[in-house]
Amino acid sequence: MHDLQNQDLNAAKWTDAGIKRWRTYIKTSLMEAELIEDNDQSNRILRPIISDRFKNFLLYEGLERVYKIFAGER
């Protein structure tokens, strides 16, 4: 987040409180979507189950990077 503030003038105006609210919002959204597991000590990323049909669609459309994001691959 701080790298973004160094690169973008609009992001440079964000306050620490605003960044904290944004992080809380993102974390809550990911927990509600069951993409992370919250256990108060760390957040474990849960890899979603992607159907072969959806995987094949993404790869056929040239969206390998999107597939890797959904599959939790690097």
Protein backbone atom coordinates (compact mmCIF):
# COMPACT_ATOMS: atom_id res chain seq x y z
CA MET A 1 0.00 0.00 0.00
CA HIS A 2 2.79 2.39 0.82
CA ASP A 3 4.42 1.70 -2.55
CA LEU A 4 1.18 2.76 -4.20
CA GLN A 5 1.21 5.98 -2.19
CA ASN A 6 4.70 6.74 -3.51
CA GLN A 7 3.57 6.18 -7.10
CA ASP A 8 0.11 7.77 -7.23
CA LEU A 9 -0.77 11.34 -6.20
CA ASN A 10 -4.34 10.40 -5.25
CA ALA A 11 -3.14 7.49 -3.11
CA ALA A 12 -0.59 9.76 -1.46
CA LYS A 13 -3.50 11.69 0.08
CA TRP A 14 -4.87 8.62 1.88
CA THR A 15 -4.67 8.71 5.65
CA ASP A 16 -3.49 5.81 7.80
CA ALA A 17 -7.03 5.47 9.17
CA GLY A 18 -8.42 5.26 5.63
CA ILE A 19 -5.90 2.57 4.69
CA LYS A 20 -6.79 0.60 7.83
CA ARG A 21 -10.51 0.80 6.97
CA TRP A 22 -9.75 -0.34 3.41
CA ARG A 23 -7.70 -3.33 4.65
CA THR A 24 -10.48 -4.30 7.06
CA TYR A 25 -13.04 -4.06 4.25
CA ILE A 26 -10.92 -6.24 1.94
CA LYS A 27 -10.25 -8.80 4.68
CA THR A 28 -13.94 -8.98 5.59
CA SER A 29 -14.93 -9.35 1.94
CA LEU A 30 -12.45 -12.18 1.42
CA MET A 31 -13.64 -13.95 4.59
CA GLU A 32 -17.29 -13.64 3.58
CA ALA A 33 -16.44 -15.02 0.14
CA GLU A 34 -14.66 -17.88 1.97
CA LEU A 35 -11.40 -17.15 0.15
CA ILE A 36 -9.46 -16.73 3.40
CA GLU A 37 -9.81 -18.40 6.76
CA ASP A 38 -9.53 -16.18 9.81
CA ASN A 39 -8.08 -17.69 12.97
CA ASP A 40 -6.89 -14.50 14.75
CA GLN A 41 -3.23 -15.45 14.25
CA SER A 42 -2.96 -15.58 10.50
CA ASN A 43 -5.10 -15.62 7.41
CA ARG A 44 -4.80 -18.77 5.37
CA ILE A 45 -5.73 -18.43 1.73
CA LEU A 46 -8.25 -21.05 0.69
CA ARG A 47 -7.95 -22.14 -2.90
CA PRO A 48 -11.33 -22.17 -4.59
CA ILE A 49 -12.50 -25.19 -6.52
CA ILE A 50 -12.63 -24.35 -10.21
CA SER A 51 -14.50 -26.59 -12.58
CA ASP A 52 -12.67 -28.02 -15.57
CA ARG A 53 -15.18 -26.29 -17.80
CA PHE A 54 -14.38 -22.86 -16.32
CA LYS A 55 -10.64 -23.59 -16.42
CA ASN A 56 -10.84 -24.61 -20.07
CA PHE A 57 -12.88 -21.50 -20.89
CA LEU A 58 -10.32 -19.18 -19.30
CA LEU A 59 -7.41 -20.90 -21.01
CA TYR A 60 -9.20 -20.97 -24.37
CA GLU A 61 -9.87 -17.22 -24.10
CA GLY A 62 -6.21 -16.55 -23.35
CA LEU A 63 -6.88 -15.67 -19.72
CA GLU A 64 -4.20 -17.86 -18.15
CA ARG A 65 -3.25 -15.12 -15.68
CA VAL A 66 -6.86 -14.88 -14.50
CA TYR A 67 -7.01 -18.66 -14.13
CA LYS A 68 -3.85 -18.63 -12.02
CA ILE A 69 -5.36 -15.96 -9.77
CA PHE A 70 -8.52 -18.02 -9.29
CA ALA A 71 -6.54 -21.24 -8.80
CA GLY A 72 -4.10 -19.67 -6.37
CA GLU A 73 -1.12 -20.43 -8.58
CA ARG A 74 1.86 -18.20 -9.16
